Amino acid sequence: MPHDYGLGEGFEPMHIDRKGLYVNLEERIKYLHHFLDWTNADVEALQDGAKYLKQLIPAVVNLVYKKLLQYDITSRAFHTRTTADETEPDEEYLTEETPQIKRRKMFLRWYLVRLCQDPTSMDFWRYLNKVGQMHCGQERLAPLNIEYIHIGACLGFISDIFLEALMGHPQLSMRRKLALVRALNKIVWIQNDLFAKWHVRNGEEFGDEISMYSFGSGNKEGFLAGKRIIGSSSGSSLDDDQRSIAPSVAPSTLSTAPSFLTTHSGSSGHTTTSNHTVAPEMGSACPFADFAKKSSTETKIWAN
């Protein structure tokens, strides 16, 4: 049903504080939620469809790393920790069976499981913001700098895999498919914004205040209340990978929380804010493969 945006006679646009978008993460998320029409229906669709998303995670992870290793500019970053350095690595390019890649696959699995958890908590969006910050040379003891073009392409690739697999599910109704795909797409686009905000130069005049705001805690990655919570003092790339994931971001069961940041439109047209994101080894079948045999359509997930 179309939304009534209340653009009739006498309508006044909602005020958005530009500075707040850059220095206050909660204000940025509220604005994105409102602009994308994020509602309780999206939260319910994600909670209802989380089990289908989780079934796809192993396949998505393998496909993503096969894609990243396909190009020298992205594969090289696993050696140099940056896509801006075109120096050829001294070692051979990594493969999917390399321990370092297997470790990174584990991190991506954790991240995708986290996307299936409770988006009504501000901690959910803080985590997505931190993921964005960690990929632009900040918040890691060994900086990782991935240029935005590769991040955007990777998010688009992940979104495409999920969309194709979910829309091809033979048992979900079209209504549930659309609701789940729309909700997941909104989260992916907000994650995309939370990558972009650390790469683009918009709002740079507020730079000092953005640095002061950060995550509010002032803690560096791997530390909690000034104490190291994971990892060792080594500065190696592999050790840093271990420090990159704190226990708080490990997967947990899906929970239902009171509404926190969900936005919805009232009858007056004004919007209020109420309290209210892996692939088996190559060749393995999609969780929906048995059902798919009844269909002539194949996708990235279950095609050999």
Protein backbone atom coordinates (compact mmCIF):
# COMPACT_ATOMS: atom_id res chain seq x y z
CA MET A 1 0.00 0.00 0.00
CA PRO A 2 1.49 3.37 -0.97
CA HIS A 3 2.72 5.62 1.81
CA ASP A 4 1.00 8.92 2.48
CA TYR A 5 3.88 11.36 2.70
CA GLY A 6 1.56 14.24 3.59
CA LEU A 7 2.74 16.58 0.83
CA GLY A 8 -0.56 18.41 0.65
CA GLU A 9 -1.31 22.09 1.11
CA GLY A 10 0.51 23.61 4.07
CA PHE A 11 2.94 20.70 4.36
CA GLU A 12 6.25 21.56 6.02
CA PRO A 13 9.26 19.29 5.49
CA MET A 14 10.82 17.60 8.47
CA HIS A 15 13.90 19.38 9.79
CA ILE A 16 17.14 17.39 9.61
CA ASP A 17 20.16 18.83 11.39
CA ARG A 18 23.05 18.44 8.95
CA LYS A 19 25.74 18.54 11.60
CA GLY A 20 23.96 15.86 13.60
CA LEU A 21 24.22 13.48 10.65
CA TYR A 22 28.02 13.59 10.93
CA VAL A 23 28.67 13.86 14.64
CA ASN A 24 25.81 11.81 16.12
CA LEU A 25 25.43 8.23 14.93
CA GLU A 26 21.96 7.84 16.41
CA GLU A 27 20.70 10.88 14.51
CA ARG A 28 22.22 9.50 11.30
CA ILE A 29 20.52 6.13 11.81
CA LYS A 30 17.16 7.77 12.60
CA TYR A 31 17.37 9.77 9.38
CA LEU A 32 18.29 6.70 7.30
CA HIS A 33 15.48 4.70 8.91
CA HIS A 34 12.98 7.40 8.09
CA PHE A 35 14.21 7.94 4.54
CA LEU A 36 14.17 4.20 3.77
CA ASP A 37 10.77 3.71 5.44
CA TRP A 38 12.22 1.31 8.00
CA THR A 39 9.29 0.07 10.11
CA ASN A 40 8.28 -2.64 12.55
CA ALA A 41 7.27 -4.70 9.51
CA ASP A 42 10.95 -4.84 8.48
CA VAL A 43 11.98 -5.95 11.97
CA GLU A 44 9.32 -8.66 11.95
CA ALA A 45 10.35 -9.84 8.48
CA LEU A 46 13.97 -10.20 9.59
CA GLN A 47 13.04 -12.03 12.77
CA ASP A 48 10.69 -14.31 10.88
CA GLY A 49 13.18 -14.97 8.07
CA ALA A 50 16.44 -15.14 10.07
CA LYS A 51 16.60 -18.92 9.81
CA TYR A 52 16.53 -18.72 5.99
CA LEU A 53 19.28 -16.11 5.94
CA LYS A 54 21.45 -18.17 8.28
CA GLN A 55 21.06 -21.24 6.04
CA LEU A 56 22.61 -19.24 3.21
CA ILE A 57 25.56 -17.81 5.15
CA PRO A 58 28.06 -20.65 4.47
CA ALA A 59 27.47 -20.41 0.72
CA VAL A 60 27.67 -16.61 0.73
CA VAL A 61 31.01 -16.63 2.56
CA ASN A 62 32.66 -19.03 0.12
CA LEU A 63 31.33 -17.14 -2.89
CA VAL A 64 32.53 -13.79 -1.49
CA TYR A 65 36.07 -15.01 -0.88
CA LYS A 66 36.23 -16.72 -4.26
CA LYS A 67 35.28 -13.35 -5.74
CA LEU A 68 37.81 -11.35 -3.67
CA LEU A 69 40.64 -13.72 -4.60
CA GLN A 70 39.72 -13.47 -8.28
CA TYR A 71 41.27 -9.99 -8.69
CA ASP A 72 44.83 -9.01 -7.86
CA ILE A 73 43.82 -5.65 -6.39
CA THR A 74 41.59 -7.23 -3.75
CA SER A 75 43.63 -10.40 -3.26
CA ARG A 76 46.79 -8.33 -2.73
CA ALA A 77 45.15 -6.58 0.22
CA PHE A 78 45.35 -9.80 2.22
CA HIS A 79 49.14 -9.33 2.03
CA THR A 80 49.48 -5.54 2.21
CA ARG A 81 46.30 -4.62 4.19
CA THR A 82 45.49 -1.93 1.64
CA THR A 83 44.10 -1.76 -1.89
CA ALA A 84 46.01 1.47 -2.56
CA ASP A 85 49.40 -0.28 -2.73
CA GLU A 86 49.96 -1.96 -6.11
CA THR A 87 53.29 -3.51 -5.09
CA GLU A 88 53.30 -7.21 -5.87
CA PRO A 89 53.55 -9.31 -2.69
CA ASP A 90 56.71 -11.29 -2.04
CA GLU A 91 54.67 -14.40 -1.26
CA GLU A 92 52.36 -16.26 -3.61
CA TYR A 93 48.77 -15.07 -3.74
CA LEU A 94 46.57 -16.69 -1.12
CA THR A 95 44.00 -19.38 -1.87
CA GLU A 96 40.76 -20.39 -0.22
CA GLU A 97 42.63 -23.11 1.66
CA THR A 98 45.17 -20.73 3.18
CA PRO A 99 44.78 -20.56 6.99
CA GLN A 100 44.61 -16.76 6.83
CA ILE A 101 41.68 -16.88 4.39
CA LYS A 102 39.91 -19.54 6.45
CA ARG A 103 40.25 -17.27 9.47
CA ARG A 104 38.81 -14.32 7.58
CA LYS A 105 35.92 -16.47 6.39
CA MET A 106 35.12 -17.08 10.04
CA PHE A 107 34.96 -13.33 10.65
CA LEU A 108 32.63 -12.84 7.68
CA ARG A 109 30.39 -15.63 8.99
CA TRP A 110 30.17 -13.87 12.35
CA TYR A 111 29.37 -10.59 10.62
CA LEU A 112 26.57 -12.10 8.53
CA VAL A 113 25.10 -13.85 11.57
CA ARG A 114 25.15 -10.48 13.34
CA LEU A 115 23.06 -9.03 10.51
CA CYS A 116 20.38 -11.59 11.41
CA GLN A 117 20.13 -10.37 14.99
CA ASP A 118 18.21 -7.61 16.74
CA PRO A 119 18.15 -4.37 14.66
CA THR A 120 15.99 -2.60 17.25
CA SER A 121 19.05 -2.10 19.46
CA MET A 122 21.36 0.83 18.84
CA ASP A 123 24.25 -1.57 19.51
CA PHE A 124 23.36 -3.32 16.25
CA TRP A 125 23.97 -0.11 14.29
CA ARG A 126 27.06 0.82 16.32
CA TYR A 127 28.55 -2.50 15.29
CA LEU A 128 27.85 -1.79 11.62
CA ASN A 129 29.46 1.64 12.02
CA LYS A 130 32.53 0.11 13.60
CA VAL A 131 32.84 -2.35 10.73
CA GLY A 132 32.89 0.65 8.40
CA GLN A 133 35.52 2.44 10.46
CA MET A 134 37.76 -0.61 10.70
CA HIS A 135 38.10 -0.83 6.92
CA CYS A 136 39.42 2.71 6.41
CA GLY A 137 42.62 2.52 8.45
CA GLN A 138 41.12 3.19 11.89
CA GLU A 139 40.34 1.21 15.05
CA ARG A 140 42.72 -1.65 14.25
CA LEU A 141 46.15 -2.11 15.76
CA ALA A 142 47.40 -3.03 12.29
CA PRO A 143 45.50 -0.61 9.99
CA LEU A 144 43.36 -2.03 7.19
CA ASN A 145 42.55 0.37 4.36
CA ILE A 146 40.15 -0.91 1.71
CA GLU A 147 39.08 1.67 -0.87
CA TYR A 148 35.39 2.30 -1.10
CA ILE A 149 34.89 1.00 -4.66
CA HIS A 150 35.78 -2.53 -3.53
CA ILE A 151 33.59 -2.33 -0.42
CA GLY A 152 30.58 -1.13 -2.40
CA ALA A 153 31.08 -3.83 -5.02
CA CYS A 154 31.36 -6.52 -2.36
CA LEU A 155 28.18 -5.38 -0.60
CA GLY A 156 26.37 -5.38 -3.95
CA PHE A 157 27.63 -8.91 -4.62
CA ILE A 158 26.44 -10.13 -1.21
CA SER A 159 23.06 -8.48 -1.66
CA ASP A 160 22.64 -10.06 -5.10
CA ILE A 161 23.36 -13.56 -3.76
CA PHE A 162 20.82 -13.23 -0.97
CA LEU A 163 18.20 -11.71 -3.27
CA GLU A 164 18.56 -14.43 -5.90
CA ALA A 165 18.47 -17.28 -3.37
CA LEU A 166 15.60 -15.93 -1.30
CA MET A 167 13.42 -15.08 -4.29
CA GLY A 168 14.03 -18.61 -5.58
CA HIS A 169 12.99 -20.31 -2.35
CA PRO A 170 10.22 -22.75 -3.30
CA GLN A 171 8.36 -22.77 0.02
CA LEU A 172 8.24 -19.13 1.12
CA SER A 173 5.24 -17.17 -0.09
CA MET A 174 5.88 -14.22 -2.36
CA ARG A 175 4.69 -11.88 0.39
CA ARG A 176 7.31 -13.23 2.84
CA LYS A 177 10.03 -13.23 0.19
CA LEU A 178 9.42 -9.58 -0.66
CA ALA A 179 9.24 -8.54 2.98
CA LEU A 180 12.51 -10.30 3.83
CA VAL A 181 14.37 -9.06 0.76
CA ARG A 182 13.22 -5.48 1.35
CA ALA A 183 14.26 -5.52 5.01
CA LEU A 184 17.65 -7.05 4.26
CA ASN A 185 18.21 -4.60 1.41
CA LYS A 186 17.60 -1.66 3.77
CA ILE A 187 20.16 -3.00 6.25
CA VAL A 188 22.72 -3.53 3.48
CA TRP A 189 22.22 0.04 2.25
CA ILE A 190 22.60 1.44 5.75
CA GLN A 191 25.79 -0.61 6.10
CA ASN A 192 26.87 0.82 2.77
CA ASP A 193 26.34 4.32 4.14
CA LEU A 194 28.31 3.45 7.29
CA PHE A 195 31.21 2.44 5.06
CA ALA A 196 30.86 5.54 2.90
CA LYS A 197 30.80 7.93 5.87
CA TRP A 198 34.39 6.94 6.69
CA HIS A 199 35.59 7.31 3.10
CA VAL A 200 33.84 10.32 1.59
CA ARG A 201 34.73 13.90 2.51
CA ASN A 202 31.21 15.21 3.16
CA GLY A 203 30.96 16.86 6.56
CA GLU A 204 34.72 17.14 6.96
CA GLU A 205 34.30 20.56 8.55
CA PHE A 206 33.02 18.67 11.60
CA GLY A 207 36.09 16.44 11.62
CA ASP A 208 37.26 17.27 15.13
CA GLU A 209 33.86 16.57 16.61
CA ILE A 210 33.46 13.35 14.62
CA SER A 211 36.74 12.11 16.09
CA MET A 212 35.61 13.07 19.58
CA TYR A 213 32.28 11.29 19.10
CA SER A 214 33.58 8.02 17.61
CA PHE A 215 31.75 5.34 19.57
CA GLY A 216 31.38 7.24 22.81
CA SER A 217 33.65 4.89 24.75
CA GLY A 218 37.05 6.05 23.54
CA ASN A 219 38.20 2.44 23.56
CA LYS A 220 40.40 1.11 20.82
CA GLU A 221 39.58 -2.18 19.17
CA GLY A 222 40.54 -5.11 21.39
CA PHE A 223 40.09 -3.08 24.59
CA LEU A 224 37.20 -2.69 26.99
CA ALA A 225 37.32 -0.07 29.76
CA GLY A 226 41.03 0.33 29.10
CA LYS A 227 41.77 -3.39 29.34
CA ARG A 228 42.74 -5.70 26.52
CA ILE A 229 40.02 -8.27 26.02
CA ILE A 230 41.42 -10.36 23.18
CA GLY A 231 44.67 -10.92 21.33
CA SER A 232 48.32 -10.52 22.24
CA SER A 233 50.88 -7.76 21.93
CA SER A 234 52.14 -9.06 18.60
CA GLY A 235 51.68 -6.70 15.65
CA SER A 236 51.36 -9.45 13.03
CA SER A 237 48.48 -9.51 10.59
CA LEU A 238 47.16 -12.84 11.88
CA ASP A 239 47.32 -11.73 15.50
CA ASP A 240 45.47 -8.56 14.59
CA ASP A 241 42.76 -10.65 12.97
CA GLN A 242 42.18 -12.30 16.32
CA ARG A 243 42.01 -8.91 18.04
CA SER A 244 39.59 -7.60 15.44
CA ILE A 245 36.60 -9.50 16.78
CA ALA A 246 35.67 -8.90 20.38
CA PRO A 247 33.55 -11.48 22.22
CA SER A 248 30.62 -9.09 22.03
CA VAL A 249 30.34 -9.52 18.27
CA ALA A 250 30.30 -13.30 18.24
CA PRO A 251 27.01 -14.74 17.03
CA SER A 252 24.20 -15.13 19.50
CA THR A 253 20.65 -16.28 19.22
CA LEU A 254 18.09 -14.03 17.61
CA SER A 255 16.26 -12.01 20.19
CA THR A 256 13.18 -9.86 20.16
CA ALA A 257 13.59 -6.52 21.91
CA PRO A 258 11.23 -3.60 22.47
CA SER A 259 11.16 -1.21 19.53
CA PHE A 260 13.94 1.36 19.63
CA LEU A 261 14.60 3.20 16.40
CA THR A 262 11.72 2.09 14.22
CA THR A 263 10.06 4.99 12.44
CA HIS A 264 6.51 5.14 11.16
CA SER A 265 4.07 7.68 9.82
CA GLY A 266 1.00 8.77 11.69
CA SER A 267 -2.31 9.78 10.21
CA SER A 268 -1.19 13.39 10.14
CA GLY A 269 1.67 12.59 7.80
CA HIS A 270 4.28 13.41 10.45
CA THR A 271 6.80 10.76 11.39
CA THR A 272 7.69 9.70 14.89
CA THR A 273 10.51 7.64 16.28
CA SER A 274 9.39 4.92 18.64
CA ASN A 275 11.45 2.93 21.07
CA HIS A 276 11.10 -0.13 19.80
CA THR A 277 23.99 -9.23 8.46
CA VAL A 278 28.34 -18.69 4.58
CA ALA A 279 29.38 -20.56 2.00
CA PRO A 280 29.98 -24.25 2.19
CA GLU A 281 33.09 -25.44 0.41
CA MET A 282 32.80 -24.99 -3.34
CA GLY A 283 30.55 -27.55 -4.88
CA SER A 284 28.33 -27.96 -1.82
CA ALA A 285 24.65 -27.47 -2.38
CA CYS A 286 22.44 -24.63 -1.27
CA PRO A 287 20.21 -25.48 1.72
CA PHE A 288 17.31 -25.14 -0.72
CA ALA A 289 18.86 -27.40 -3.37
CA ASP A 290 16.53 -30.34 -2.73
CA PHE A 291 13.53 -28.12 -3.23
CA ALA A 292 15.09 -26.48 -6.25
CA LYS A 293 15.23 -29.75 -8.16
CA LYS A 294 11.56 -29.17 -8.93
CA SER A 295 12.48 -25.95 -10.70
CA SER A 296 14.43 -25.39 -13.89
CA THR A 297 15.94 -22.21 -12.45
CA GLU A 298 19.48 -22.33 -11.02
CA THR A 299 21.24 -19.65 -9.03
CA LYS A 300 24.76 -18.88 -7.83
CA ILE A 301 23.98 -20.80 -4.65
CA TRP A 302 23.08 -24.23 -5.96
CA ALA A 303 24.64 -24.18 -9.43
CA ASN A 304 27.82 -26.24 -9.74
